[in-house]
Amino acid sequence: MSTRDLTWRKSSYSNGVGGECVEVSLAPNAVALRDSKAPAAGTLTIPAASWRALLRAPEPPSASPEGHLRGI
């Protein structure tokens, strides 16, 4: 897959100030990821099925203010 032909998207949560964003490009059978502040530095390409599994994964447990784990 040539990254020149891809359409890249950035999260709507990105405020454009810090530059800590990942850009995503969806292809029929794969998903390409890159650092928005260094797009020429390379891409990570994963199978589309792996991307879908990542998005469906439950959130990891988080600690409450009292230190108790939630979500388990």
N, C-alpha and C. Protein backbone atom coordinates (compact mmCIF):
# COMPACT_ATOMS: atom_id res chain seq x y z
N MET A 1 0.86 -1.17 0.00
CA MET A 1 0.00 0.00 0.00
C MET A 1 0.90 1.23 0.00
N SER A 2 0.68 2.11 -0.96
CA SER A 2 1.45 3.36 -1.03
C SER A 2 0.77 4.42 -0.17
N THR A 3 1.50 5.01 0.76
CA THR A 3 0.90 6.01 1.65
C THR A 3 0.60 7.31 0.92
N ARG A 4 1.18 7.51 -0.26
CA ARG A 4 0.88 8.73 -1.03
C ARG A 4 -0.56 8.77 -1.50
N ASP A 5 -1.16 7.60 -1.69
CA ASP A 5 -2.52 7.52 -2.21
C ASP A 5 -3.58 7.49 -1.11
N LEU A 6 -3.18 7.58 0.13
CA LEU A 6 -4.13 7.45 1.24
C LEU A 6 -4.71 8.80 1.65
N THR A 7 -5.91 8.74 2.19
CA THR A 7 -6.55 9.91 2.79
C THR A 7 -6.41 9.77 4.30
N TRP A 8 -5.75 10.73 4.92
CA TRP A 8 -5.46 10.67 6.35
C TRP A 8 -6.49 11.45 7.14
N ARG A 9 -6.85 10.91 8.32
CA ARG A 9 -7.80 11.56 9.23
C ARG A 9 -7.17 11.69 10.60
N LYS A 10 -7.49 12.80 11.26
CA LYS A 10 -7.01 13.05 12.62
C LYS A 10 -8.23 13.17 13.53
N SER A 11 -8.10 12.79 14.77
CA SER A 11 -9.20 12.83 15.72
C SER A 11 -9.79 14.23 15.85
N SER A 12 -11.11 14.27 16.00
CA SER A 12 -11.77 15.56 16.24
C SER A 12 -11.44 16.08 17.63
N TYR A 13 -10.87 15.24 18.49
CA TYR A 13 -10.46 15.67 19.83
C TYR A 13 -9.12 16.39 19.80
N SER A 14 -8.45 16.37 18.67
CA SER A 14 -7.16 17.05 18.55
C SER A 14 -7.39 18.56 18.53
N ASN A 15 -6.65 19.26 19.36
CA ASN A 15 -6.82 20.72 19.39
C ASN A 15 -5.81 21.43 18.51
N GLY A 16 -4.88 20.69 17.93
CA GLY A 16 -3.91 21.29 17.03
C GLY A 16 -2.79 22.05 17.72
N VAL A 17 -2.77 22.10 19.04
CA VAL A 17 -1.76 22.86 19.76
C VAL A 17 -0.54 22.00 20.08
N GLY A 18 -0.77 20.85 20.70
CA GLY A 18 0.34 20.03 21.17
C GLY A 18 0.97 19.13 20.14
N GLY A 19 0.24 18.78 19.10
CA GLY A 19 0.78 17.91 18.07
C GLY A 19 0.89 16.46 18.46
N GLU A 20 0.26 16.05 19.56
CA GLU A 20 0.33 14.66 19.98
C GLU A 20 -0.82 13.87 19.38
N CYS A 21 -0.87 13.79 18.07
CA CYS A 21 -1.98 13.12 17.41
C CYS A 21 -1.49 12.01 16.51
N VAL A 22 -2.32 11.01 16.39
CA VAL A 22 -2.09 9.93 15.45
C VAL A 22 -3.05 10.13 14.31
N GLU A 23 -2.56 10.00 13.09
CA GLU A 23 -3.43 10.06 11.93
C GLU A 23 -3.70 8.64 11.47
N VAL A 24 -4.91 8.43 10.96
CA VAL A 24 -5.37 7.11 10.55
C VAL A 24 -5.85 7.18 9.11
N SER A 25 -5.54 6.14 8.36
CA SER A 25 -6.05 6.02 7.00
C SER A 25 -6.62 4.62 6.85
N LEU A 26 -7.89 4.55 6.45
CA LEU A 26 -8.57 3.27 6.32
C LEU A 26 -8.53 2.80 4.88
N ALA A 27 -8.09 1.57 4.68
CA ALA A 27 -8.10 0.92 3.37
C ALA A 27 -8.99 -0.32 3.51
N PRO A 28 -9.37 -0.95 2.41
CA PRO A 28 -10.28 -2.09 2.51
C PRO A 28 -9.82 -3.20 3.45
N ASN A 29 -8.56 -3.56 3.43
CA ASN A 29 -8.09 -4.68 4.24
C ASN A 29 -7.02 -4.31 5.26
N ALA A 30 -6.73 -3.03 5.40
CA ALA A 30 -5.67 -2.61 6.32
C ALA A 30 -5.95 -1.20 6.83
N VAL A 31 -5.26 -0.86 7.90
CA VAL A 31 -5.33 0.48 8.48
C VAL A 31 -3.90 0.97 8.65
N ALA A 32 -3.64 2.17 8.18
CA ALA A 32 -2.31 2.76 8.33
C ALA A 32 -2.37 3.84 9.40
N LEU A 33 -1.34 3.90 10.23
CA LEU A 33 -1.25 4.87 11.32
C LEU A 33 0.07 5.61 11.20
N ARG A 34 0.05 6.90 11.52
CA ARG A 34 1.30 7.68 11.51
C ARG A 34 1.20 8.81 12.52
N ASP A 35 2.34 9.34 12.88
CA ASP A 35 2.45 10.47 13.80
C ASP A 35 2.15 11.75 13.02
N SER A 36 1.18 12.53 13.47
CA SER A 36 0.78 13.73 12.72
C SER A 36 1.88 14.79 12.67
N LYS A 37 2.75 14.82 13.67
CA LYS A 37 3.80 15.84 13.66
C LYS A 37 5.03 15.40 12.88
N ALA A 38 5.08 14.13 12.49
CA ALA A 38 6.21 13.63 11.70
C ALA A 38 5.71 12.61 10.67
N PRO A 39 4.85 13.04 9.75
CA PRO A 39 4.25 12.08 8.81
C PRO A 39 5.27 11.38 7.91
N ALA A 40 6.40 11.99 7.66
CA ALA A 40 7.41 11.37 6.80
C ALA A 40 8.24 10.33 7.55
N ALA A 41 8.05 10.22 8.86
CA ALA A 41 8.86 9.30 9.66
C ALA A 41 8.46 7.84 9.47
N GLY A 42 7.37 7.58 8.80
CA GLY A 42 6.95 6.21 8.55
C GLY A 42 5.54 5.94 9.04
N THR A 43 5.04 4.79 8.67
CA THR A 43 3.69 4.39 9.06
C THR A 43 3.72 2.99 9.64
N LEU A 44 2.70 2.71 10.42
CA LEU A 44 2.45 1.38 10.94
C LEU A 44 1.19 0.91 10.24
N THR A 45 1.25 -0.23 9.58
CA THR A 45 0.09 -0.77 8.88
C THR A 45 -0.31 -2.07 9.55
N ILE A 46 -1.60 -2.17 9.90
CA ILE A 46 -2.11 -3.37 10.56
C ILE A 46 -3.33 -3.87 9.78
N PRO A 47 -3.66 -5.16 9.92
CA PRO A 47 -4.85 -5.68 9.26
C PRO A 47 -6.11 -4.98 9.78
N ALA A 48 -7.08 -4.79 8.92
CA ALA A 48 -8.33 -4.12 9.31
C ALA A 48 -9.02 -4.87 10.45
N ALA A 49 -8.93 -6.19 10.46
CA ALA A 49 -9.56 -6.97 11.53
C ALA A 49 -8.91 -6.66 12.88
N SER A 50 -7.62 -6.43 12.91
CA SER A 50 -6.94 -6.08 14.16
C SER A 50 -7.37 -4.70 14.64
N TRP A 51 -7.56 -3.77 13.74
CA TRP A 51 -8.03 -2.42 14.08
C TRP A 51 -9.43 -2.50 14.69
N ARG A 52 -10.31 -3.29 14.06
CA ARG A 52 -11.68 -3.43 14.59
C ARG A 52 -11.65 -4.04 15.99
N ALA A 53 -10.79 -5.04 16.20
CA ALA A 53 -10.68 -5.67 17.52
C ALA A 53 -10.19 -4.67 18.56
N LEU A 54 -9.24 -3.83 18.19
CA LEU A 54 -8.74 -2.80 19.11
C LEU A 54 -9.86 -1.83 19.50
N LEU A 55 -10.66 -1.42 18.53
CA LEU A 55 -11.73 -0.47 18.83
C LEU A 55 -12.84 -1.09 19.67
N ARG A 56 -13.01 -2.40 19.57
CA ARG A 56 -14.05 -3.08 20.35
C ARG A 56 -13.56 -3.50 21.73
N ALA A 57 -12.27 -3.41 21.97
CA ALA A 57 -11.71 -3.86 23.25
C ALA A 57 -12.25 -3.01 24.39
N PRO A 58 -12.53 -3.64 25.53
CA PRO A 58 -12.99 -2.86 26.69
C PRO A 58 -11.88 -1.96 27.20
N GLU A 59 -12.29 -0.90 27.85
CA GLU A 59 -11.30 0.00 28.45
C GLU A 59 -10.61 -0.71 29.61
N PRO A 60 -9.33 -0.43 29.83
CA PRO A 60 -8.64 -1.04 30.97
C PRO A 60 -9.22 -0.50 32.27
N PRO A 61 -9.07 -1.25 33.35
CA PRO A 61 -9.56 -0.76 34.64
C PRO A 61 -8.87 0.54 35.02
N SER A 62 -9.59 1.39 35.70
CA SER A 62 -9.01 2.64 36.17
C SER A 62 -9.17 2.73 37.68
N ALA A 63 -8.32 3.48 38.31
CA ALA A 63 -8.38 3.62 39.76
C ALA A 63 -9.32 4.75 40.13
N SER A 64 -10.12 4.52 41.15
CA SER A 64 -10.98 5.56 41.69
C SER A 64 -10.12 6.50 42.53
N PRO A 65 -10.65 7.65 42.93
CA PRO A 65 -9.87 8.55 43.79
C PRO A 65 -9.41 7.89 45.08
N GLU A 66 -10.14 6.85 45.52
CA GLU A 66 -9.76 6.16 46.75
C GLU A 66 -8.72 5.08 46.50
N GLY A 67 -8.36 4.85 45.23
CA GLY A 67 -7.36 3.83 44.92
C GLY A 67 -7.94 2.48 44.58
N HIS A 68 -9.27 2.34 44.56
CA HIS A 68 -9.90 1.07 44.22
C HIS A 68 -10.01 0.96 42.70
N LEU A 69 -9.78 -0.24 42.18
CA LEU A 69 -9.91 -0.44 40.74
C LEU A 69 -11.37 -0.52 40.34
N ARG A 70 -11.71 0.18 39.26
CA ARG A 70 -13.06 0.11 38.70
C ARG A 70 -12.99 -0.66 37.40
N GLY A 71 -14.11 -1.22 37.00
CA GLY A 71 -14.20 -1.88 35.71
C GLY A 71 -13.77 -3.33 35.73
N ILE A 72 -13.56 -3.90 36.90
CA ILE A 72 -13.18 -5.32 36.97
C ILE A 72 -14.38 -6.11 37.45
